[in-house]
Amino acid sequence: MTLHGIDINPDGIAHARTRLRGEFVVGDLYQLGALLHGRRVDVIFTMGMLIHLHPETLPGLIEAMRDHARRWLVFVEQVSVTN
């Protein structure tokens, strides 16, 4: 098993590299295909990330995630009626 991690924050990537074995890169999910070098992965997991993106960009980003996930997309996200 190989763990891939992408974070826009270099500190988050540095933190992951000290605690986990895997491939971790600083990057923007809008370039998901380039960051994964065209590879497909079994699971794409987000946690508290989608809430920070512009709503108009979400359909395209989720479609790109679907294109790169062989099995599952797992979103653990905040849901708010007022936001």
PDB file of N, CA and C in Angstrom:
ATOM      1  N   MET A   1       0.841  -1.169   0.000  1.00  0.00           N
ATOM      2  CA  MET A   1       0.000   0.000   0.000  1.00  0.00           C
ATOM      3  C   MET A   1       0.887   1.233   0.000  1.00  0.00           C
ATOM      4  N   THR A   2       0.502   2.206  -0.781  1.00  0.00           N
ATOM      5  CA  THR A   2       1.196   3.480  -0.801  1.00  0.00           C
ATOM      6  C   THR A   2       0.216   4.579  -0.429  1.00  0.00           C
ATOM      7  N   LEU A   3       0.611   5.409   0.485  1.00  0.00           N
ATOM      8  CA  LEU A   3      -0.196   6.545   0.902  1.00  0.00           C
ATOM      9  C   LEU A   3       0.299   7.777   0.159  1.00  0.00           C
ATOM     10  N   HIS A   4      -0.620   8.491  -0.482  1.00  0.00           N
ATOM     11  CA  HIS A   4      -0.301   9.747  -1.154  1.00  0.00           C
ATOM     12  C   HIS A   4      -1.008  10.851  -0.390  1.00  0.00           C
ATOM     13  N   GLY A   5      -0.307  11.941  -0.137  1.00  0.00           N
ATOM     14  CA  GLY A   5      -0.919  13.082   0.531  1.00  0.00           C
ATOM     15  C   GLY A   5      -0.640  14.347  -0.240  1.00  0.00           C
ATOM     16  N   ILE A   6      -1.667  15.175  -0.378  1.00  0.00           N
ATOM     17  CA  ILE A   6      -1.546  16.467  -1.044  1.00  0.00           C
ATOM     18  C   ILE A   6      -2.095  17.512  -0.099  1.00  0.00           C
ATOM     19  N   ASP A   7      -1.333  18.571   0.090  1.00  0.00           N
ATOM     20  CA  ASP A   7      -1.797  19.682   0.913  1.00  0.00           C
ATOM     21  C   ASP A   7      -1.233  20.962   0.341  1.00  0.00           C
ATOM     22  N   ILE A   8      -2.020  22.011   0.374  1.00  0.00           N
ATOM     23  CA  ILE A   8      -1.557  23.300  -0.125  1.00  0.00           C
ATOM     24  C   ILE A   8      -0.605  23.961   0.877  1.00  0.00           C
ATOM     25  N   ASN A   9      -0.634  23.472   2.107  1.00  0.00           N
ATOM     26  CA  ASN A   9       0.181  24.041   3.181  1.00  0.00           C
ATOM     27  C   ASN A   9       1.470  23.228   3.350  1.00  0.00           C
ATOM     28  N   PRO A  10       2.632  23.831   3.102  1.00  0.00           N
ATOM     29  CA  PRO A  10       3.892  23.101   3.261  1.00  0.00           C
ATOM     30  C   PRO A  10       4.102  22.562   4.678  1.00  0.00           C
ATOM     31  N   ASP A  11       3.581  23.274   5.685  1.00  0.00           N
ATOM     32  CA  ASP A  11       3.726  22.795   7.065  1.00  0.00           C
ATOM     33  C   ASP A  11       2.952  21.488   7.278  1.00  0.00           C
ATOM     34  N   GLY A  12       1.789  21.366   6.645  1.00  0.00           N
ATOM     35  CA  GLY A  12       1.018  20.130   6.749  1.00  0.00           C
ATOM     36  C   GLY A  12       1.755  18.950   6.132  1.00  0.00           C
ATOM     37  N   ILE A  13       2.404  19.188   5.006  1.00  0.00           N
ATOM     38  CA  ILE A  13       3.178  18.130   4.348  1.00  0.00           C
ATOM     39  C   ILE A  13       4.392  17.761   5.201  1.00  0.00           C
ATOM     40  N   ALA A  14       5.074  18.759   5.743  1.00  0.00           N
ATOM     41  CA  ALA A  14       6.240  18.489   6.599  1.00  0.00           C
ATOM     42  C   ALA A  14       5.821  17.664   7.813  1.00  0.00           C
ATOM     43  N   HIS A  15       4.684  17.999   8.386  1.00  0.00           N
ATOM     44  CA  HIS A  15       4.158  17.255   9.544  1.00  0.00           C
ATOM     45  C   HIS A  15       3.886  15.800   9.165  1.00  0.00           C
ATOM     46  N   ALA A  16       3.233  15.580   8.029  1.00  0.00           N
ATOM     47  CA  ALA A  16       2.925  14.217   7.588  1.00  0.00           C
ATOM     48  C   ALA A  16       4.203  13.414   7.358  1.00  0.00           C
ATOM     49  N   ARG A  17       5.197  14.045   6.766  1.00  0.00           N
ATOM     50  CA  ARG A  17       6.442  13.333   6.455  1.00  0.00           C
ATOM     51  C   ARG A  17       7.174  12.861   7.710  1.00  0.00           C
ATOM     52  N   THR A  18       6.962  13.525   8.832  1.00  0.00           N
ATOM     53  CA  THR A  18       7.632  13.106  10.067  1.00  0.00           C
ATOM     54  C   THR A  18       6.888  11.966  10.756  1.00  0.00           C
ATOM     55  N   ARG A  19       5.656  11.682  10.330  1.00  0.00           N
ATOM     56  CA  ARG A  19       4.842  10.705  11.050  1.00  0.00           C
ATOM     57  C   ARG A  19       4.395   9.499  10.225  1.00  0.00           C
ATOM     58  N   LEU A  20       4.442   9.622   8.909  1.00  0.00           N
ATOM     59  CA  LEU A  20       3.913   8.562   8.052  1.00  0.00           C
ATOM     60  C   LEU A  20       4.875   8.251   6.913  1.00  0.00           C
ATOM     61  N   ARG A  21       4.787   7.034   6.419  1.00  0.00           N
ATOM     62  CA  ARG A  21       5.528   6.678   5.210  1.00  0.00           C
ATOM     63  C   ARG A  21       4.588   6.830   4.027  1.00  0.00           C
ATOM     64  N   GLY A  22       5.044   7.523   3.019  1.00  0.00           N
ATOM     65  CA  GLY A  22       4.225   7.717   1.835  1.00  0.00           C
ATOM     66  C   GLY A  22       4.815   8.781   0.942  1.00  0.00           C
ATOM     67  N   GLU A  23       4.043   9.149  -0.054  1.00  0.00           N
ATOM     68  CA  GLU A  23       4.430  10.203  -0.987  1.00  0.00           C
ATOM     69  C   GLU A  23       3.577  11.427  -0.695  1.00  0.00           C
ATOM     70  N   PHE A  24       4.220  12.487  -0.226  1.00  0.00           N
ATOM     71  CA  PHE A  24       3.504  13.691   0.174  1.00  0.00           C
ATOM     72  C   PHE A  24       4.024  14.869  -0.634  1.00  0.00           C
ATOM     73  N   VAL A  25       3.110  15.630  -1.209  1.00  0.00           N
ATOM     74  CA  VAL A  25       3.506  16.775  -2.025  1.00  0.00           C
ATOM     75  C   VAL A  25       2.692  18.000  -1.657  1.00  0.00           C
ATOM     76  N   VAL A  26       3.353  19.135  -1.750  1.00  0.00           N
ATOM     77  CA  VAL A  26       2.660  20.410  -1.613  1.00  0.00           C
ATOM     78  C   VAL A  26       2.006  20.679  -2.960  1.00  0.00           C
ATOM     79  N   GLY A  27       0.729  20.915  -2.944  1.00  0.00           N
ATOM     80  CA  GLY A  27       0.061  21.151  -4.211  1.00  0.00           C
ATOM     81  C   GLY A  27      -1.376  21.576  -4.038  1.00  0.00           C
ATOM     82  N   ASP A  28      -1.963  21.897  -5.154  1.00  0.00           N
ATOM     83  CA  ASP A  28      -3.317  22.405  -5.251  1.00  0.00           C
ATOM     84  C   ASP A  28      -4.184  21.318  -5.907  1.00  0.00           C
ATOM     85  N   LEU A  29      -5.276  20.952  -5.288  1.00  0.00           N
ATOM     86  CA  LEU A  29      -6.117  19.882  -5.826  1.00  0.00           C
ATOM     87  C   LEU A  29      -6.687  20.193  -7.200  1.00  0.00           C
ATOM     88  N   TYR A  30      -6.673  21.455  -7.590  1.00  0.00           N
ATOM     89  CA  TYR A  30      -7.134  21.791  -8.929  1.00  0.00           C
ATOM     90  C   TYR A  30      -6.193  21.223  -9.994  1.00  0.00           C
ATOM     91  N   GLN A  31      -5.002  20.789  -9.587  1.00  0.00           N
ATOM     92  CA  GLN A  31      -4.063  20.119 -10.493  1.00  0.00           C
ATOM     93  C   GLN A  31      -3.888  18.650 -10.088  1.00  0.00           C
ATOM     94  N   LEU A  32      -4.957  18.016  -9.680  1.00  0.00           N
ATOM     95  CA  LEU A  32      -4.913  16.647  -9.166  1.00  0.00           C
ATOM     96  C   LEU A  32      -4.245  15.681 -10.138  1.00  0.00           C
ATOM     97  N   GLY A  33      -4.602  15.739 -11.405  1.00  0.00           N
ATOM     98  CA  GLY A  33      -4.030  14.822 -12.382  1.00  0.00           C
ATOM     99  C   GLY A  33      -2.523  14.955 -12.480  1.00  0.00           C
ATOM    100  N   ALA A  34      -2.025  16.180 -12.493  1.00  0.00           N
ATOM    101  CA  ALA A  34      -0.578  16.409 -12.567  1.00  0.00           C
ATOM    102  C   ALA A  34       0.102  15.950 -11.277  1.00  0.00           C
ATOM    103  N   LEU A  35      -0.518  16.193 -10.136  1.00  0.00           N
ATOM    104  CA  LEU A  35       0.078  15.802  -8.854  1.00  0.00           C
ATOM    105  C   LEU A  35       0.167  14.288  -8.712  1.00  0.00           C
ATOM    106  N   LEU A  36      -0.804  13.577  -9.261  1.00  0.00           N
ATOM    107  CA  LEU A  36      -0.786  12.114  -9.208  1.00  0.00           C
ATOM    108  C   LEU A  36      -0.066  11.514 -10.416  1.00  0.00           C
ATOM    109  N   HIS A  37       0.450  12.371 -11.282  1.00  0.00           N
ATOM    110  CA  HIS A  37       1.160  11.925 -12.486  1.00  0.00           C
ATOM    111  C   HIS A  37       0.284  10.979 -13.308  1.00  0.00           C
ATOM    112  N   GLY A  38      -1.012  11.302 -13.377  1.00  0.00           N
ATOM    113  CA  GLY A  38      -1.934  10.507 -14.175  1.00  0.00           C
ATOM    114  C   GLY A  38      -2.354   9.181 -13.560  1.00  0.00           C
ATOM    115  N   ARG A  39      -1.814   8.853 -12.384  1.00  0.00           N
ATOM    116  CA  ARG A  39      -2.158   7.575 -11.738  1.00  0.00           C
ATOM    117  C   ARG A  39      -3.564   7.628 -11.164  1.00  0.00           C
ATOM    118  N   ARG A  40      -4.138   6.455 -11.024  1.00  0.00           N
ATOM    119  CA  ARG A  40      -5.411   6.315 -10.314  1.00  0.00           C
ATOM    120  C   ARG A  40      -5.108   5.678  -8.969  1.00  0.00           C
ATOM    121  N   VAL A  41      -5.876   6.046  -7.971  1.00  0.00           N
ATOM    122  CA  VAL A  41      -5.689   5.518  -6.619  1.00  0.00           C
ATOM    123  C   VAL A  41      -6.990   4.848  -6.186  1.00  0.00           C
ATOM    124  N   ASP A  42      -6.917   4.020  -5.163  1.00  0.00           N
ATOM    125  CA  ASP A  42      -8.115   3.312  -4.699  1.00  0.00           C
ATOM    126  C   ASP A  42      -9.100   4.243  -4.000  1.00  0.00           C
ATOM    127  N   VAL A  43      -8.594   5.126  -3.145  1.00  0.00           N
ATOM    128  CA  VAL A  43      -9.457   5.982  -2.325  1.00  0.00           C
ATOM    129  C   VAL A  43      -8.934   7.413  -2.361  1.00  0.00           C
ATOM    130  N   ILE A  44      -9.841   8.353  -2.525  1.00  0.00           N
ATOM    131  CA  ILE A  44      -9.518   9.763  -2.317  1.00  0.00           C
ATOM    132  C   ILE A  44     -10.327  10.213  -1.114  1.00  0.00           C
ATOM    133  N   PHE A  45      -9.641  10.771  -0.131  1.00  0.00           N
ATOM    134  CA  PHE A  45     -10.231  11.150   1.156  1.00  0.00           C
ATOM    135  C   PHE A  45      -9.971  12.636   1.392  1.00  0.00           C
ATOM    136  N   THR A  46     -11.014  13.374   1.742  1.00  0.00           N
ATOM    137  CA  THR A  46     -10.827  14.764   2.160  1.00  0.00           C
ATOM    138  C   THR A  46     -11.443  14.938   3.538  1.00  0.00           C
ATOM    139  N   MET A  47     -10.877  15.866   4.290  1.00  0.00           N
ATOM    140  CA  MET A  47     -11.411  16.153   5.620  1.00  0.00           C
ATOM    141  C   MET A  47     -11.346  17.652   5.855  1.00  0.00           C
ATOM    142  N   GLY A  48     -12.503  18.281   5.908  1.00  0.00           N
ATOM    143  CA  GLY A  48     -12.575  19.702   6.194  1.00  0.00           C
ATOM    144  C   GLY A  48     -11.920  20.579   5.143  1.00  0.00           C
ATOM    145  N   MET A  49     -11.914  20.138   3.899  1.00  0.00           N
ATOM    146  CA  MET A  49     -11.239  20.876   2.847  1.00  0.00           C
ATOM    147  C   MET A  49     -12.216  21.512   1.867  1.00  0.00           C
ATOM    148  N   LEU A  50     -13.234  20.797   1.450  1.00  0.00           N
ATOM    149  CA  LEU A  50     -14.128  21.291   0.413  1.00  0.00           C
ATOM    150  C   LEU A  50     -14.871  22.554   0.826  1.00  0.00           C
ATOM    151  N   ILE A  51     -15.126  22.731   2.102  1.00  0.00           N
ATOM    152  CA  ILE A  51     -15.836  23.906   2.605  1.00  0.00           C
ATOM    153  C   ILE A  51     -15.083  25.199   2.287  1.00  0.00           C
ATOM    154  N   HIS A  52     -13.775  25.100   2.046  1.00  0.00           N
ATOM    155  CA  HIS A  52     -12.952  26.284   1.797  1.00  0.00           C
ATOM    156  C   HIS A  52     -12.870  26.659   0.317  1.00  0.00           C
ATOM    157  N   LEU A  53     -13.466  25.873  -0.549  1.00  0.00           N
ATOM    158  CA  LEU A  53     -13.376  26.126  -1.990  1.00  0.00           C
ATOM    159  C   LEU A  53     -14.638  26.815  -2.496  1.00  0.00           C
ATOM    160  N   HIS A  54     -14.490  27.556  -3.573  1.00  0.00           N
ATOM    161  CA  HIS A  54     -15.640  28.246  -4.155  1.00  0.00           C
ATOM    162  C   HIS A  54     -16.635  27.210  -4.668  1.00  0.00           C
ATOM    163  N   PRO A  55     -17.915  27.358  -4.328  1.00  0.00           N
ATOM    164  CA  PRO A  55     -18.913  26.355  -4.712  1.00  0.00           C
ATOM    165  C   PRO A  55     -18.964  26.068  -6.211  1.00  0.00           C
ATOM    166  N   GLU A  56     -18.702  27.062  -7.042  1.00  0.00           N
ATOM    167  CA  GLU A  56     -18.756  26.841  -8.486  1.00  0.00           C
ATOM    168  C   GLU A  56     -17.650  25.907  -8.976  1.00  0.00           C
ATOM    169  N   THR A  57     -16.565  25.775  -8.203  1.00  0.00           N
ATOM    170  CA  THR A  57     -15.459  24.912  -8.623  1.00  0.00           C
ATOM    171  C   THR A  57     -15.652  23.456  -8.193  1.00  0.00           C
ATOM    172  N   LEU A  58     -16.575  23.217  -7.269  1.00  0.00           N
ATOM    173  CA  LEU A  58     -16.730  21.876  -6.696  1.00  0.00           C
ATOM    174  C   LEU A  58     -17.144  20.796  -7.706  1.00  0.00           C
ATOM    175  N   PRO A  59     -18.107  21.042  -8.589  1.00  0.00           N
ATOM    176  CA  PRO A  59     -18.466  19.960  -9.523  1.00  0.00           C
ATOM    177  C   PRO A  59     -17.278  19.484 -10.364  1.00  0.00           C
ATOM    178  N   GLY A  60     -16.482  20.396 -10.887  1.00  0.00           N
ATOM    179  CA  GLY A  60     -15.321  20.005 -11.687  1.00  0.00           C
ATOM    180  C   GLY A  60     -14.271  19.286 -10.871  1.00  0.00           C
ATOM    181  N   LEU A  61     -14.045  19.758  -9.651  1.00  0.00           N
ATOM    182  CA  LEU A  61     -13.051  19.122  -8.787  1.00  0.00           C
ATOM    183  C   LEU A  61     -13.498  17.716  -8.385  1.00  0.00           C
ATOM    184  N   ILE A  62     -14.754  17.566  -8.034  1.00  0.00           N
ATOM    185  CA  ILE A  62     -15.258  16.241  -7.655  1.00  0.00           C
ATOM    186  C   ILE A  62     -15.217  15.297  -8.859  1.00  0.00           C
ATOM    187  N   GLU A  63     -15.506  15.797 -10.043  1.00  0.00           N
ATOM    188  CA  GLU A  63     -15.397  14.974 -11.253  1.00  0.00           C
ATOM    189  C   GLU A  63     -13.953  14.516 -11.459  1.00  0.00           C
ATOM    190  N   ALA A  64     -12.987  15.413 -11.246  1.00  0.00           N
ATOM    191  CA  ALA A  64     -11.572  15.039 -11.377  1.00  0.00           C
ATOM    192  C   ALA A  64     -11.201  13.982 -10.335  1.00  0.00           C
ATOM    193  N   MET A  65     -11.706  14.128  -9.118  1.00  0.00           N
ATOM    194  CA  MET A  65     -11.447  13.125  -8.087  1.00  0.00           C
ATOM    195  C   MET A  65     -12.030  11.780  -8.507  1.00  0.00           C
ATOM    196  N   ARG A  66     -13.244  11.810  -9.043  1.00  0.00           N
ATOM    197  CA  ARG A  66     -13.877  10.571  -9.506  1.00  0.00           C
ATOM    198  C   ARG A  66     -13.069   9.906 -10.615  1.00  0.00           C
ATOM    199  N   ASP A  67     -12.500  10.717 -11.480  1.00  0.00           N
ATOM    200  CA  ASP A  67     -11.684  10.184 -12.567  1.00  0.00           C
ATOM    201  C   ASP A  67     -10.405   9.512 -12.071  1.00  0.00           C
ATOM    202  N   HIS A  68      -9.928   9.924 -10.886  1.00  0.00           N
ATOM    203  CA  HIS A  68      -8.659   9.397 -10.367  1.00  0.00           C
ATOM    204  C   HIS A  68      -8.830   8.371  -9.256  1.00  0.00           C
ATOM    205  N   ALA A  69     -10.077   8.113  -8.863  1.00  0.00           N
ATOM    206  CA  ALA A  69     -10.333   7.124  -7.803  1.00  0.00           C
ATOM    207  C   ALA A  69     -10.896   5.847  -8.428  1.00  0.00           C
ATOM    208  N   ARG A  70     -10.205   4.749  -8.195  1.00  0.00           N
ATOM    209  CA  ARG A  70     -10.698   3.461  -8.707  1.00  0.00           C
ATOM    210  C   ARG A  70     -11.910   2.972  -7.926  1.00  0.00           C
ATOM    211  N   ARG A  71     -11.943   3.260  -6.629  1.00  0.00           N
ATOM    212  CA  ARG A  71     -12.995   2.657  -5.808  1.00  0.00           C
ATOM    213  C   ARG A  71     -13.882   3.676  -5.100  1.00  0.00           C
ATOM    214  N   TRP A  72     -13.294   4.515  -4.254  1.00  0.00           N
ATOM    215  CA  TRP A  72     -14.121   5.361  -3.394  1.00  0.00           C
ATOM    216  C   TRP A  72     -13.636   6.800  -3.330  1.00  0.00           C
ATOM    217  N   LEU A  73     -14.615   7.672  -3.109  1.00  0.00           N
ATOM    218  CA  LEU A  73     -14.379   9.040  -2.659  1.00  0.00           C
ATOM    219  C   LEU A  73     -14.974   9.114  -1.265  1.00  0.00           C
ATOM    220  N   VAL A  74     -14.200   9.606  -0.310  1.00  0.00           N
ATOM    221  CA  VAL A  74     -14.677   9.734   1.067  1.00  0.00           C
ATOM    222  C   VAL A  74     -14.507  11.187   1.460  1.00  0.00           C
ATOM    223  N   PHE A  75     -15.622  11.864   1.724  1.00  0.00           N
ATOM    224  CA  PHE A  75     -15.602  13.273   2.121  1.00  0.00           C
ATOM    225  C   PHE A  75     -16.081  13.385   3.560  1.00  0.00           C
ATOM    226  N   VAL A  76     -15.239  13.893   4.428  1.00  0.00           N
ATOM    227  CA  VAL A  76     -15.609  14.191   5.814  1.00  0.00           C
ATOM    228  C   VAL A  76     -15.573  15.709   5.897  1.00  0.00           C
ATOM    229  N   GLU A  77     -16.728  16.314   5.734  1.00  0.00           N
ATOM    230  CA  GLU A  77     -16.795  17.761   5.550  1.00  0.00           C
ATOM    231  C   GLU A  77     -17.849  18.389   6.444  1.00  0.00           C
ATOM    232  N   GLN A  78     -17.673  19.661   6.678  1.00  0.00           N
ATOM    233  CA  GLN A  78     -18.635  20.453   7.433  1.00  0.00           C
ATOM    234  C   GLN A  78     -19.845  20.730   6.548  1.00  0.00           C
ATOM    235  N   VAL A  79     -21.018  20.610   7.123  1.00  0.00           N
ATOM    236  CA  VAL A  79     -22.253  20.947   6.413  1.00  0.00           C
ATOM    237  C   VAL A  79     -22.961  21.999   7.240  1.00  0.00           C
ATOM    238  N   SER A  80     -23.342  23.097   6.579  1.00  0.00           N
ATOM    239  CA  SER A  80     -24.000  24.180   7.286  1.00  0.00           C
ATOM    240  C   SER A  80     -25.172  24.682   6.472  1.00  0.00           C
ATOM    241  N   VAL A  81     -26.295  24.856   7.106  1.00  0.00           N
ATOM    242  CA  VAL A  81     -27.482  25.372   6.428  1.00  0.00           C
ATOM    243  C   VAL A  81     -27.283  26.844   6.090  1.00  0.00           C
ATOM    244  N   THR A  82     -26.535  27.570   6.901  1.00  0.00           N
ATOM    245  CA  THR A  82     -26.396  29.015   6.714  1.00  0.00           C
ATOM    246  C   THR A  82     -25.149  29.391   5.924  1.00  0.00           C
ATOM    247  N   ASN A  83     -24.270  28.460   5.606  1.00  0.00           N
ATOM    248  CA  ASN A  83     -23.037  28.793   4.875  1.00  0.00           C
ATOM    249  C   ASN A  83     -22.966  27.954   3.619  1.00  0.00           C
TER     250      ASN A  83
END
